[in-house]
N, C-alpha and C. Protein backbone atom coordinates (compact mmCIF):
# COMPACT_ATOMS: atom_id res chain seq x y z
N MET A 1 207.34 209.20 156.02
CA MET A 1 208.27 209.99 156.78
C MET A 1 207.61 211.33 157.14
N ASN A 2 207.73 211.71 158.38
CA ASN A 2 207.17 212.96 158.87
C ASN A 2 208.31 213.89 159.28
N ALA A 3 208.20 215.14 158.87
CA ALA A 3 209.22 216.14 159.20
C ALA A 3 208.68 217.08 160.27
N TYR A 4 209.59 217.49 161.16
CA TYR A 4 209.22 218.39 162.25
C TYR A 4 210.33 219.42 162.46
N LEU A 5 209.94 220.55 162.96
CA LEU A 5 210.87 221.54 163.45
C LEU A 5 210.86 221.40 164.96
N ALA A 6 211.98 221.04 165.55
CA ALA A 6 212.09 220.89 167.00
C ALA A 6 212.88 222.08 167.52
N CYS A 7 212.34 222.76 168.53
CA CYS A 7 213.05 223.90 169.10
C CYS A 7 212.87 223.89 170.62
N PHE A 8 213.85 224.43 171.29
CA PHE A 8 213.79 224.40 172.75
C PHE A 8 214.43 225.62 173.37
N ASP A 9 214.01 225.87 174.60
CA ASP A 9 214.59 226.91 175.45
C ASP A 9 214.83 226.23 176.79
N ILE A 10 216.07 225.88 177.06
CA ILE A 10 216.42 225.11 178.25
C ILE A 10 217.55 225.83 178.96
N SER A 11 217.39 226.06 180.25
CA SER A 11 218.36 226.87 180.99
C SER A 11 219.62 226.10 181.39
N ASP A 12 219.51 224.82 181.68
CA ASP A 12 220.64 224.04 182.15
C ASP A 12 221.50 223.58 180.97
N ASP A 13 222.79 223.92 180.97
CA ASP A 13 223.70 223.57 179.88
C ASP A 13 223.76 222.06 179.64
N ARG A 14 223.82 221.29 180.70
CA ARG A 14 223.95 219.84 180.59
C ARG A 14 222.72 219.23 179.91
N ILE A 15 221.54 219.66 180.32
CA ILE A 15 220.30 219.15 179.72
C ILE A 15 220.18 219.62 178.28
N ARG A 16 220.50 220.88 178.03
CA ARG A 16 220.43 221.43 176.68
C ARG A 16 221.34 220.64 175.73
N THR A 17 222.56 220.34 176.18
CA THR A 17 223.49 219.56 175.37
C THR A 17 222.96 218.15 175.13
N ARG A 18 222.42 217.54 176.15
CA ARG A 18 221.90 216.17 176.04
C ARG A 18 220.74 216.09 175.04
N ILE A 19 219.84 217.05 175.12
CA ILE A 19 218.70 217.05 174.20
C ILE A 19 219.18 217.35 172.77
N GLY A 20 220.12 218.26 172.63
CA GLY A 20 220.66 218.54 171.31
C GLY A 20 221.30 217.32 170.68
N ARG A 21 222.06 216.58 171.46
CA ARG A 21 222.70 215.36 170.94
C ARG A 21 221.65 214.33 170.54
N GLU A 22 220.61 214.21 171.30
CA GLU A 22 219.54 213.25 170.98
C GLU A 22 218.84 213.66 169.68
N LEU A 23 218.53 214.93 169.52
CA LEU A 23 217.84 215.38 168.32
C LEU A 23 218.72 215.25 167.08
N GLU A 24 220.03 215.32 167.23
CA GLU A 24 220.93 215.14 166.09
C GLU A 24 220.83 213.75 165.49
N HIS A 25 220.32 212.78 166.24
CA HIS A 25 220.11 211.42 165.72
C HIS A 25 218.97 211.39 164.70
N TYR A 26 218.12 212.39 164.71
CA TYR A 26 216.92 212.40 163.88
C TYR A 26 216.96 213.42 162.74
N GLY A 27 217.95 214.28 162.76
CA GLY A 27 218.00 215.31 161.72
C GLY A 27 219.20 216.21 161.91
N MET A 28 219.04 217.45 161.48
CA MET A 28 220.17 218.35 161.55
C MET A 28 219.86 219.62 162.32
N ARG A 29 220.89 220.10 162.98
CA ARG A 29 220.79 221.36 163.72
C ARG A 29 220.85 222.49 162.71
N VAL A 30 219.86 223.40 162.76
CA VAL A 30 219.86 224.53 161.85
C VAL A 30 220.15 225.84 162.57
N GLN A 31 219.95 225.85 163.86
CA GLN A 31 220.37 226.93 164.74
C GLN A 31 220.72 226.30 166.07
N ARG A 32 221.21 227.04 167.00
CA ARG A 32 221.66 226.44 168.27
C ARG A 32 220.60 225.59 168.95
N SER A 33 219.37 226.05 168.97
CA SER A 33 218.30 225.31 169.65
C SER A 33 217.17 224.95 168.71
N VAL A 34 217.48 224.80 167.43
CA VAL A 34 216.46 224.48 166.43
C VAL A 34 216.98 223.37 165.53
N PHE A 35 216.15 222.35 165.33
CA PHE A 35 216.49 221.20 164.52
C PHE A 35 215.39 220.92 163.51
N GLU A 36 215.79 220.48 162.32
CA GLU A 36 214.85 219.92 161.35
C GLU A 36 215.04 218.42 161.45
N ILE A 37 213.99 217.71 161.87
CA ILE A 37 214.13 216.27 162.09
C ILE A 37 213.11 215.52 161.25
N SER A 38 213.40 214.25 161.06
CA SER A 38 212.54 213.37 160.28
C SER A 38 212.27 212.11 161.10
N LEU A 39 211.00 211.76 161.23
CA LEU A 39 210.61 210.58 162.00
C LEU A 39 209.75 209.67 161.13
N ALA A 40 209.82 208.38 161.41
CA ALA A 40 209.12 207.40 160.59
C ALA A 40 207.61 207.54 160.68
N ASP A 41 207.10 207.81 161.86
CA ASP A 41 205.65 207.90 162.04
C ASP A 41 205.33 208.65 163.34
N PRO A 42 204.05 208.99 163.56
CA PRO A 42 203.68 209.72 164.77
C PRO A 42 204.04 209.00 166.07
N ALA A 43 204.06 207.68 166.04
CA ALA A 43 204.41 206.92 167.25
C ALA A 43 205.86 207.19 167.65
N GLU A 44 206.73 207.37 166.66
CA GLU A 44 208.13 207.67 166.97
C GLU A 44 208.25 209.05 167.62
N LEU A 45 207.43 210.01 167.18
CA LEU A 45 207.41 211.33 167.81
C LEU A 45 206.93 211.22 169.26
N THR A 46 205.91 210.43 169.48
CA THR A 46 205.38 210.25 170.84
C THR A 46 206.46 209.67 171.75
N ALA A 47 207.18 208.67 171.26
CA ALA A 47 208.24 208.05 172.06
C ALA A 47 209.38 209.02 172.32
N LEU A 48 209.76 209.79 171.31
CA LEU A 48 210.83 210.78 171.48
C LEU A 48 210.43 211.84 172.50
N CYS A 49 209.21 212.33 172.39
CA CYS A 49 208.72 213.35 173.35
C CYS A 49 208.74 212.81 174.78
N ALA A 50 208.30 211.58 174.95
CA ALA A 50 208.27 210.98 176.29
C ALA A 50 209.68 210.87 176.87
N ARG A 51 210.63 210.45 176.04
CA ARG A 51 212.02 210.30 176.51
C ARG A 51 212.61 211.66 176.89
N LEU A 52 212.42 212.66 176.03
CA LEU A 52 212.98 213.98 176.29
C LEU A 52 212.28 214.68 177.45
N ARG A 53 210.99 214.46 177.60
CA ARG A 53 210.23 215.09 178.69
C ARG A 53 210.81 214.71 180.04
N ASP A 54 211.32 213.50 180.16
CA ASP A 54 211.90 213.05 181.43
C ASP A 54 213.14 213.85 181.82
N TRP A 55 213.80 214.45 180.84
CA TRP A 55 215.03 215.20 181.10
C TRP A 55 214.77 216.67 181.43
N LEU A 56 213.58 217.17 181.13
CA LEU A 56 213.30 218.60 181.30
C LEU A 56 213.06 218.97 182.75
N GLU A 57 213.34 220.22 183.05
CA GLU A 57 213.09 220.78 184.38
C GLU A 57 211.97 221.80 184.27
N PRO A 58 211.34 222.15 185.40
CA PRO A 58 210.28 223.17 185.35
C PRO A 58 210.82 224.46 184.71
N GLY A 59 210.05 225.03 183.82
CA GLY A 59 210.44 226.25 183.13
C GLY A 59 211.07 226.00 181.77
N ASP A 60 211.51 224.75 181.51
CA ASP A 60 212.07 224.42 180.20
C ASP A 60 210.95 224.34 179.18
N ASP A 61 211.30 224.57 177.91
CA ASP A 61 210.30 224.53 176.84
C ASP A 61 210.87 223.75 175.67
N LEU A 62 210.13 222.77 175.19
CA LEU A 62 210.52 221.96 174.04
C LEU A 62 209.30 221.82 173.15
N ARG A 63 209.43 222.21 171.89
CA ARG A 63 208.30 222.21 170.97
C ARG A 63 208.63 221.50 169.68
N PHE A 64 207.61 220.87 169.08
CA PHE A 64 207.72 220.21 167.79
C PHE A 64 206.63 220.77 166.89
N TYR A 65 207.03 221.30 165.74
CA TYR A 65 206.09 221.82 164.76
C TYR A 65 206.13 220.91 163.54
N CYS A 66 204.98 220.40 163.15
CA CYS A 66 204.90 219.53 161.99
C CYS A 66 205.15 220.33 160.72
N LEU A 67 205.98 219.78 159.84
CA LEU A 67 206.28 220.41 158.56
C LEU A 67 205.71 219.51 157.47
N CYS A 68 204.50 219.81 157.02
CA CYS A 68 203.87 218.99 155.99
C CYS A 68 204.65 219.14 154.67
N ALA A 69 204.42 218.21 153.75
CA ALA A 69 205.14 218.21 152.48
C ALA A 69 204.92 219.52 151.71
N ALA A 70 203.70 220.00 151.70
CA ALA A 70 203.41 221.25 150.98
C ALA A 70 204.14 222.43 151.61
N CYS A 71 204.19 222.46 152.93
CA CYS A 71 204.90 223.55 153.62
C CYS A 71 206.39 223.48 153.37
N ARG A 72 206.96 222.28 153.35
CA ARG A 72 208.39 222.15 153.11
C ARG A 72 208.75 222.63 151.71
N LYS A 73 207.90 222.40 150.73
CA LYS A 73 208.17 222.86 149.36
C LYS A 73 208.22 224.38 149.28
N LYS A 74 207.48 225.06 150.16
CA LYS A 74 207.43 226.52 150.16
C LYS A 74 208.45 227.15 151.11
N SER A 75 209.18 226.32 151.85
CA SER A 75 210.11 226.83 152.86
C SER A 75 211.50 227.04 152.27
N HIS A 76 212.14 228.14 152.66
CA HIS A 76 213.47 228.46 152.16
C HIS A 76 214.19 229.35 153.16
N ASP A 77 215.50 229.47 152.97
CA ASP A 77 216.26 230.38 153.82
C ASP A 77 216.34 231.75 153.16
N HIS A 78 217.12 232.65 153.74
CA HIS A 78 217.20 234.02 153.24
C HIS A 78 217.86 234.13 151.86
N GLN A 79 218.51 233.05 151.42
CA GLN A 79 219.13 233.06 150.10
C GLN A 79 218.32 232.26 149.07
N GLY A 80 217.15 231.83 149.47
CA GLY A 80 216.28 231.10 148.55
C GLY A 80 216.53 229.61 148.47
N ARG A 81 217.44 229.07 149.28
CA ARG A 81 217.72 227.63 149.28
C ARG A 81 216.64 226.90 150.06
N ARG A 82 216.29 225.70 149.59
CA ARG A 82 215.28 224.89 150.27
C ARG A 82 215.73 224.52 151.67
N VAL A 83 214.79 224.48 152.58
CA VAL A 83 215.06 224.02 153.94
C VAL A 83 214.10 222.89 154.26
N ALA A 84 214.40 222.14 155.29
CA ALA A 84 213.59 221.01 155.71
C ALA A 84 213.37 220.05 154.55
N TYR A 85 214.41 219.85 153.77
CA TYR A 85 214.34 218.95 152.62
C TYR A 85 215.00 217.64 152.98
N PHE A 86 214.21 216.58 153.01
CA PHE A 86 214.70 215.25 153.34
C PHE A 86 214.50 214.37 152.11
N PRO A 87 215.55 214.08 151.35
CA PRO A 87 215.37 213.24 150.16
C PRO A 87 214.96 211.82 150.56
N ALA A 88 214.29 211.12 149.65
CA ALA A 88 213.86 209.76 149.92
C ALA A 88 215.05 208.83 150.10
N ALA A 89 216.16 209.11 149.41
CA ALA A 89 217.35 208.28 149.51
C ALA A 89 218.58 209.14 149.25
N VAL A 90 219.67 208.70 149.81
CA VAL A 90 220.95 209.36 149.58
C VAL A 90 221.90 208.32 149.01
N VAL A 91 222.47 208.59 147.86
CA VAL A 91 223.40 207.66 147.23
C VAL A 91 224.82 208.13 147.54
N ILE A 92 225.62 207.20 148.01
CA ILE A 92 227.01 207.52 148.36
C ILE A 92 227.94 206.78 147.42
């Protein structure tokens, strides 16, 4: 599993909403235009980028930053809580 920080600056409300909804399938929104997402492998990131790229207009910006395991262990919010934490399994 690979973790990424996805962030964007998109001027059109419709496109911004569409991309946000798509990214919610892969992780969680942590700010209005910032998501912590988890993908199975680099090929899935390539496919996601290709799909989203088709929706962008000139001047839009969409970025993915890789969050390696060591970096995620050192990452936290202003209250010291872990961020970008994706457990191996969730028991319900």
